[in-house]
């Protein structure tokens, strides 16, 4: 699994997860983990040149971790 550097920002519509393009990548898988749980779940898989997703399923005051893989 390749490591991808990501940025996470709070937006009005949710949490925006963005990352840099990886040479040769044709799709990316975005995972989410609530910090109170020890379970990663796939948030979304995107193809092509899409380099951002917005997680609209967040609760104010809760903490989350995100990961992106190729």
PDB file of N, CA and C in Angstrom:
ATOM      1  N   UNK A   1       0.845  -1.178   0.000  1.00  0.00           N
ATOM      2  CA  UNK A   1       0.000   0.000   0.000  1.00  0.00           C
ATOM      3  C   UNK A   1       0.889   1.240   0.000  1.00  0.00           C
ATOM      4  N   UNK A   2       0.668   2.159  -0.942  1.00  0.00           N
ATOM      5  CA  UNK A   2       1.424   3.402  -0.990  1.00  0.00           C
ATOM      6  C   UNK A   2       0.923   4.363   0.087  1.00  0.00           C
ATOM      7  N   UNK A   3       1.828   5.166   0.626  1.00  0.00           N
ATOM      8  CA  UNK A   3       1.456   6.185   1.595  1.00  0.00           C
ATOM      9  C   UNK A   3       1.140   7.471   0.866  1.00  0.00           C
ATOM     10  N   UNK A   4       0.035   8.111   1.233  1.00  0.00           N
ATOM     11  CA  UNK A   4      -0.395   9.340   0.590  1.00  0.00           C
ATOM     12  C   UNK A   4      -0.522  10.418   1.656  1.00  0.00           C
ATOM     13  N   UNK A   5       0.126  11.577   1.448  1.00  0.00           N
ATOM     14  CA  UNK A   5      -0.009  12.700   2.377  1.00  0.00           C
ATOM     15  C   UNK A   5      -1.357  13.370   2.146  1.00  0.00           C
ATOM     16  N   UNK A   6      -2.080  13.652   3.232  1.00  0.00           N
ATOM     17  CA  UNK A   6      -3.410  14.240   3.097  1.00  0.00           C
ATOM     18  C   UNK A   6      -3.529  15.491   3.955  1.00  0.00           C
ATOM     19  N   UNK A   7      -4.511  16.310   3.608  1.00  0.00           N
ATOM     20  CA  UNK A   7      -4.896  17.442   4.441  1.00  0.00           C
ATOM     21  C   UNK A   7      -6.375  17.298   4.758  1.00  0.00           C
ATOM     22  N   UNK A   8      -6.744  17.698   5.954  1.00  0.00           N
ATOM     23  CA  UNK A   8      -8.125  17.603   6.410  1.00  0.00           C
ATOM     24  C   UNK A   8      -8.535  18.969   6.927  1.00  0.00           C
ATOM     25  N   UNK A   9      -9.652  19.500   6.400  1.00  0.00           N
ATOM     26  CA  UNK A   9     -10.130  20.809   6.829  1.00  0.00           C
ATOM     27  C   UNK A   9     -11.628  20.757   7.122  1.00  0.00           C
ATOM     28  N   UNK A  10     -12.039  21.559   8.089  1.00  0.00           N
ATOM     29  CA  UNK A  10     -13.462  21.681   8.392  1.00  0.00           C
ATOM     30  C   UNK A  10     -14.102  22.639   7.403  1.00  0.00           C
ATOM     31  N   UNK A  11     -15.213  22.250   6.846  1.00  0.00           N
ATOM     32  CA  UNK A  11     -15.979  23.073   5.917  1.00  0.00           C
ATOM     33  C   UNK A  11     -17.408  23.152   6.442  1.00  0.00           C
ATOM     34  N   UNK A  12     -18.195  24.063   5.928  1.00  0.00           N
ATOM     35  CA  UNK A  12     -19.603  24.148   6.330  1.00  0.00           C
ATOM     36  C   UNK A  12     -20.353  22.861   5.992  1.00  0.00           C
ATOM     37  N   UNK A  13     -19.991  22.227   4.883  1.00  0.00           N
ATOM     38  CA  UNK A  13     -20.704  21.036   4.431  1.00  0.00           C
ATOM     39  C   UNK A  13     -20.163  19.738   5.041  1.00  0.00           C
ATOM     40  N   UNK A  14     -19.090  19.801   5.829  1.00  0.00           N
ATOM     41  CA  UNK A  14     -18.506  18.613   6.435  1.00  0.00           C
ATOM     42  C   UNK A  14     -17.004  18.723   6.532  1.00  0.00           C
ATOM     43  N   UNK A  15     -16.335  17.600   6.571  1.00  0.00           N
ATOM     44  CA  UNK A  15     -14.873  17.566   6.649  1.00  0.00           C
ATOM     45  C   UNK A  15     -14.335  17.245   5.262  1.00  0.00           C
ATOM     46  N   UNK A  16     -13.482  18.132   4.755  1.00  0.00           N
ATOM     47  CA  UNK A  16     -12.892  17.942   3.433  1.00  0.00           C
ATOM     48  C   UNK A  16     -11.542  17.246   3.574  1.00  0.00           C
ATOM     49  N   UNK A  17     -11.399  16.133   2.860  1.00  0.00           N
ATOM     50  CA  UNK A  17     -10.151  15.365   2.840  1.00  0.00           C
ATOM     51  C   UNK A  17      -9.552  15.532   1.445  1.00  0.00           C
ATOM     52  N   UNK A  18      -8.312  15.990   1.380  1.00  0.00           N
ATOM     53  CA  UNK A  18      -7.650  16.230   0.086  1.00  0.00           C
ATOM     54  C   UNK A  18      -6.259  15.609   0.120  1.00  0.00           C
ATOM     55  N   UNK A  19      -5.755  15.245  -1.053  1.00  0.00           N
ATOM     56  CA  UNK A  19      -4.443  14.624  -1.149  1.00  0.00           C
ATOM     57  C   UNK A  19      -3.820  14.958  -2.485  1.00  0.00           C
ATOM     58  N   UNK A  20      -2.508  14.728  -2.586  1.00  0.00           N
ATOM     59  CA  UNK A  20      -1.775  14.962  -3.825  1.00  0.00           C
ATOM     60  C   UNK A  20      -1.885  13.743  -4.729  1.00  0.00           C
ATOM     61  N   UNK A  21      -1.839  14.000  -6.020  1.00  0.00           N
ATOM     62  CA  UNK A  21      -1.896  12.929  -7.017  1.00  0.00           C
ATOM     63  C   UNK A  21      -0.669  12.030  -6.880  1.00  0.00           C
ATOM     64  N   UNK A  22      -0.896  10.745  -7.028  1.00  0.00           N
ATOM     65  CA  UNK A  22       0.189   9.767  -7.006  1.00  0.00           C
ATOM     66  C   UNK A  22       0.399   9.286  -8.438  1.00  0.00           C
ATOM     67  N   UNK A  23       1.633   9.382  -8.926  1.00  0.00           N
ATOM     68  CA  UNK A  23       1.934   8.949 -10.297  1.00  0.00           C
ATOM     69  C   UNK A  23       1.484   7.509 -10.519  1.00  0.00           C
ATOM     70  N   UNK A  24       0.744   7.293 -11.590  1.00  0.00           N
ATOM     71  CA  UNK A  24       0.300   5.963 -11.954  1.00  0.00           C
ATOM     72  C   UNK A  24      -0.974   5.499 -11.267  1.00  0.00           C
ATOM     73  N   UNK A  25      -1.461   6.256 -10.291  1.00  0.00           N
ATOM     74  CA  UNK A  25      -2.678   5.848  -9.573  1.00  0.00           C
ATOM     75  C   UNK A  25      -3.907   6.095 -10.443  1.00  0.00           C
ATOM     76  N   UNK A  26      -4.821   5.144 -10.449  1.00  0.00           N
ATOM     77  CA  UNK A  26      -6.068   5.287 -11.206  1.00  0.00           C
ATOM     78  C   UNK A  26      -7.274   5.415 -10.287  1.00  0.00           C
ATOM     79  N   UNK A  27      -7.078   5.139  -8.990  1.00  0.00           N
ATOM     80  CA  UNK A  27      -8.154   5.308  -8.018  1.00  0.00           C
ATOM     81  C   UNK A  27      -7.557   5.476  -6.623  1.00  0.00           C
ATOM     82  N   UNK A  28      -8.369   6.002  -5.725  1.00  0.00           N
ATOM     83  CA  UNK A  28      -7.965   6.215  -4.342  1.00  0.00           C
ATOM     84  C   UNK A  28      -9.086   5.730  -3.422  1.00  0.00           C
ATOM     85  N   UNK A  29      -8.714   5.140  -2.302  1.00  0.00           N
ATOM     86  CA  UNK A  29      -9.680   4.707  -1.292  1.00  0.00           C
ATOM     87  C   UNK A  29      -9.495   5.584  -0.057  1.00  0.00           C
ATOM     88  N   UNK A  30     -10.590   6.158   0.418  1.00  0.00           N
ATOM     89  CA  UNK A  30     -10.555   7.039   1.584  1.00  0.00           C
ATOM     90  C   UNK A  30     -11.218   6.304   2.745  1.00  0.00           C
ATOM     91  N   UNK A  31     -10.501   6.228   3.862  1.00  0.00           N
ATOM     92  CA  UNK A  31     -10.989   5.539   5.054  1.00  0.00           C
ATOM     93  C   UNK A  31     -11.164   6.542   6.198  1.00  0.00           C
ATOM     94  N   UNK A  32     -12.065   6.188   7.114  1.00  0.00           N
ATOM     95  CA  UNK A  32     -12.372   7.049   8.253  1.00  0.00           C
ATOM     96  C   UNK A  32     -12.408   6.201   9.523  1.00  0.00           C
ATOM     97  N   UNK A  33     -11.962   6.817  10.632  1.00  0.00           N
ATOM     98  CA  UNK A  33     -12.037   6.147  11.927  1.00  0.00           C
ATOM     99  C   UNK A  33     -12.453   7.163  12.971  1.00  0.00           C
ATOM    100  N   UNK A  34     -13.488   6.836  13.722  1.00  0.00           N
ATOM    101  CA  UNK A  34     -13.841   7.648  14.884  1.00  0.00           C
ATOM    102  C   UNK A  34     -12.810   7.319  15.951  1.00  0.00           C
ATOM    103  N   UNK A  35     -12.267   8.344  16.608  1.00  0.00           N
ATOM    104  CA  UNK A  35     -11.184   8.097  17.550  1.00  0.00           C
ATOM    105  C   UNK A  35     -11.619   7.273  18.747  1.00  0.00           C
ATOM    106  N   UNK A  36     -12.916   7.269  19.064  1.00  0.00           N
ATOM    107  CA  UNK A  36     -13.399   6.455  20.178  1.00  0.00           C
ATOM    108  C   UNK A  36     -13.508   4.984  19.805  1.00  0.00           C
ATOM    109  N   UNK A  37     -13.474   4.691  18.502  1.00  0.00           N
ATOM    110  CA  UNK A  37     -13.565   3.309  18.037  1.00  0.00           C
ATOM    111  C   UNK A  37     -12.242   2.921  17.395  1.00  0.00           C
ATOM    112  N   UNK A  38     -11.953   1.660  17.363  1.00  0.00           N
ATOM    113  CA  UNK A  38     -10.728   1.197  16.733  1.00  0.00           C
ATOM    114  C   UNK A  38     -11.063   0.475  15.436  1.00  0.00           C
ATOM    115  N   UNK A  39     -11.929   1.079  14.635  1.00  0.00           N
ATOM    116  CA  UNK A  39     -12.392   0.434  13.413  1.00  0.00           C
ATOM    117  C   UNK A  39     -12.331   1.416  12.243  1.00  0.00           C
ATOM    118  N   UNK A  40     -11.559   1.051  11.227  1.00  0.00           N
ATOM    119  CA  UNK A  40     -11.504   1.850  10.004  1.00  0.00           C
ATOM    120  C   UNK A  40     -12.617   1.383   9.069  1.00  0.00           C
ATOM    121  N   UNK A  41     -13.334   2.325   8.482  1.00  0.00           N
ATOM    122  CA  UNK A  41     -14.364   1.997   7.498  1.00  0.00           C
ATOM    123  C   UNK A  41     -14.076   2.774   6.218  1.00  0.00           C
ATOM    124  N   UNK A  42     -14.374   2.144   5.078  1.00  0.00           N
ATOM    125  CA  UNK A  42     -14.153   2.834   3.813  1.00  0.00           C
ATOM    126  C   UNK A  42     -15.223   3.901   3.654  1.00  0.00           C
ATOM    127  N   UNK A  43     -14.782   5.139   3.528  1.00  0.00           N
ATOM    128  CA  UNK A  43     -15.688   6.261   3.331  1.00  0.00           C
ATOM    129  C   UNK A  43     -16.106   6.353   1.875  1.00  0.00           C
ATOM    130  N   UNK A  44     -15.127   6.244   0.976  1.00  0.00           N
ATOM    131  CA  UNK A  44     -15.420   6.388  -0.444  1.00  0.00           C
ATOM    132  C   UNK A  44     -14.227   5.929  -1.268  1.00  0.00           C
ATOM    133  N   UNK A  45     -14.520   5.492  -2.493  1.00  0.00           N
ATOM    134  CA  UNK A  45     -13.473   5.199  -3.469  1.00  0.00           C
ATOM    135  C   UNK A  45     -13.724   6.092  -4.670  1.00  0.00           C
ATOM    136  N   UNK A  46     -12.680   6.796  -5.101  1.00  0.00           N
ATOM    137  CA  UNK A  46     -12.817   7.710  -6.238  1.00  0.00           C
ATOM    138  C   UNK A  46     -11.820   7.305  -7.313  1.00  0.00           C
ATOM    139  N   UNK A  47     -12.153   7.634  -8.548  1.00  0.00           N
ATOM    140  CA  UNK A  47     -11.299   7.269  -9.673  1.00  0.00           C
ATOM    141  C   UNK A  47     -10.827   8.510 -10.419  1.00  0.00           C
ATOM    142  N   UNK A  48      -9.803   8.311 -11.231  1.00  0.00           N
ATOM    143  CA  UNK A  48      -9.313   9.379 -12.089  1.00  0.00           C
ATOM    144  C   UNK A  48      -8.574  10.451 -11.320  1.00  0.00           C
ATOM    145  N   UNK A  49      -8.858  11.695 -11.692  1.00  0.00           N
ATOM    146  CA  UNK A  49      -8.152  12.831 -11.114  1.00  0.00           C
ATOM    147  C   UNK A  49      -8.889  13.468  -9.945  1.00  0.00           C
ATOM    148  N   UNK A  50      -9.854  12.791  -9.357  1.00  0.00           N
ATOM    149  CA  UNK A  50     -10.548  13.327  -8.183  1.00  0.00           C
ATOM    150  C   UNK A  50      -9.607  13.186  -6.992  1.00  0.00           C
ATOM    151  N   UNK A  51      -9.301  14.311  -6.350  1.00  0.00           N
ATOM    152  CA  UNK A  51      -8.329  14.322  -5.261  1.00  0.00           C
ATOM    153  C   UNK A  51      -8.909  14.878  -3.967  1.00  0.00           C
ATOM    154  N   UNK A  52     -10.236  14.933  -3.869  1.00  0.00           N
ATOM    155  CA  UNK A  52     -10.878  15.380  -2.633  1.00  0.00           C
ATOM    156  C   UNK A  52     -12.195  14.636  -2.433  1.00  0.00           C
ATOM    157  N   UNK A  53     -12.572  14.471  -1.187  1.00  0.00           N
ATOM    158  CA  UNK A  53     -13.906  14.003  -0.827  1.00  0.00           C
ATOM    159  C   UNK A  53     -14.338  14.808   0.391  1.00  0.00           C
ATOM    160  N   UNK A  54     -15.641  14.954   0.566  1.00  0.00           N
ATOM    161  CA  UNK A  54     -16.179  15.625   1.740  1.00  0.00           C
ATOM    162  C   UNK A  54     -16.994  14.628   2.539  1.00  0.00           C
ATOM    163  N   UNK A  55     -16.626  14.493   3.801  1.00  0.00           N
ATOM    164  CA  UNK A  55     -17.338  13.616   4.721  1.00  0.00           C
ATOM    165  C   UNK A  55     -18.436  14.432   5.381  1.00  0.00           C
ATOM    166  N   UNK A  56     -19.666  14.198   4.967  1.00  0.00           N
ATOM    167  CA  UNK A  56     -20.802  14.943   5.506  1.00  0.00           C
ATOM    168  C   UNK A  56     -21.398  14.275   6.735  1.00  0.00           C
ATOM    169  N   UNK A  57     -20.921  13.076   7.056  1.00  0.00           N
ATOM    170  CA  UNK A  57     -21.446  12.318   8.182  1.00  0.00           C
ATOM    171  C   UNK A  57     -20.536  12.493   9.402  1.00  0.00           C
ATOM    172  N   UNK A  58     -20.471  13.722   9.906  1.00  0.00           N
ATOM    173  CA  UNK A  58     -19.648  14.027  11.074  1.00  0.00           C
ATOM    174  C   UNK A  58     -20.505  14.712  12.130  1.00  0.00           C
ATOM    175  N   UNK A  59     -20.077  14.597  13.367  1.00  0.00           N
ATOM    176  CA  UNK A  59     -20.786  15.199  14.488  1.00  0.00           C
ATOM    177  C   UNK A  59     -19.861  16.217  15.139  1.00  0.00           C
ATOM    178  N   UNK A  60     -20.360  17.421  15.350  1.00  0.00           N
ATOM    179  CA  UNK A  60     -19.579  18.470  15.993  1.00  0.00           C
ATOM    180  C   UNK A  60     -19.088  17.998  17.358  1.00  0.00           C
ATOM    181  N   UNK A  61     -17.817  18.214  17.636  1.00  0.00           N
ATOM    182  CA  UNK A  61     -17.228  17.822  18.910  1.00  0.00           C
ATOM    183  C   UNK A  61     -16.598  16.439  18.897  1.00  0.00           C
ATOM    184  N   UNK A  62     -16.912  15.626  17.895  1.00  0.00           N
ATOM    185  CA  UNK A  62     -16.306  14.300  17.761  1.00  0.00           C
ATOM    186  C   UNK A  62     -14.976  14.428  17.021  1.00  0.00           C
ATOM    187  N   UNK A  63     -14.078  13.471  17.229  1.00  0.00           N
ATOM    188  CA  UNK A  63     -12.777  13.464  16.554  1.00  0.00           C
ATOM    189  C   UNK A  63     -12.708  12.277  15.588  1.00  0.00           C
ATOM    190  N   UNK A  64     -12.082  12.527  14.439  1.00  0.00           N
ATOM    191  CA  UNK A  64     -11.978  11.515  13.403  1.00  0.00           C
ATOM    192  C   UNK A  64     -10.560  11.480  12.855  1.00  0.00           C
ATOM    193  N   UNK A  65     -10.179  10.339  12.318  1.00  0.00           N
ATOM    194  CA  UNK A  65      -8.925  10.180  11.599  1.00  0.00           C
ATOM    195  C   UNK A  65      -9.255   9.736  10.189  1.00  0.00           C
ATOM    196  N   UNK A  66      -8.452  10.173   9.220  1.00  0.00           N
ATOM    197  CA  UNK A  66      -8.684   9.795   7.827  1.00  0.00           C
ATOM    198  C   UNK A  66      -7.402   9.229   7.232  1.00  0.00           C
ATOM    199  N   UNK A  67      -7.563   8.339   6.284  1.00  0.00           N
ATOM    200  CA  UNK A  67      -6.436   7.720   5.594  1.00  0.00           C
ATOM    201  C   UNK A  67      -6.826   7.562   4.124  1.00  0.00           C
ATOM    202  N   UNK A  68      -5.849   7.741   3.251  1.00  0.00           N
ATOM    203  CA  UNK A  68      -6.080   7.565   1.817  1.00  0.00           C
ATOM    204  C   UNK A  68      -5.043   6.573   1.304  1.00  0.00           C
ATOM    205  N   UNK A  69      -5.508   5.599   0.522  1.00  0.00           N
ATOM    206  CA  UNK A  69      -4.571   4.645  -0.072  1.00  0.00           C
ATOM    207  C   UNK A  69      -4.844   4.532  -1.561  1.00  0.00           C
ATOM    208  N   UNK A  70      -3.838   4.060  -2.263  1.00  0.00           N
ATOM    209  CA  UNK A  70      -3.925   3.888  -3.708  1.00  0.00           C
ATOM    210  C   UNK A  70      -4.330   2.466  -4.006  1.00  0.00           C
TER     211      UNK A  70
END
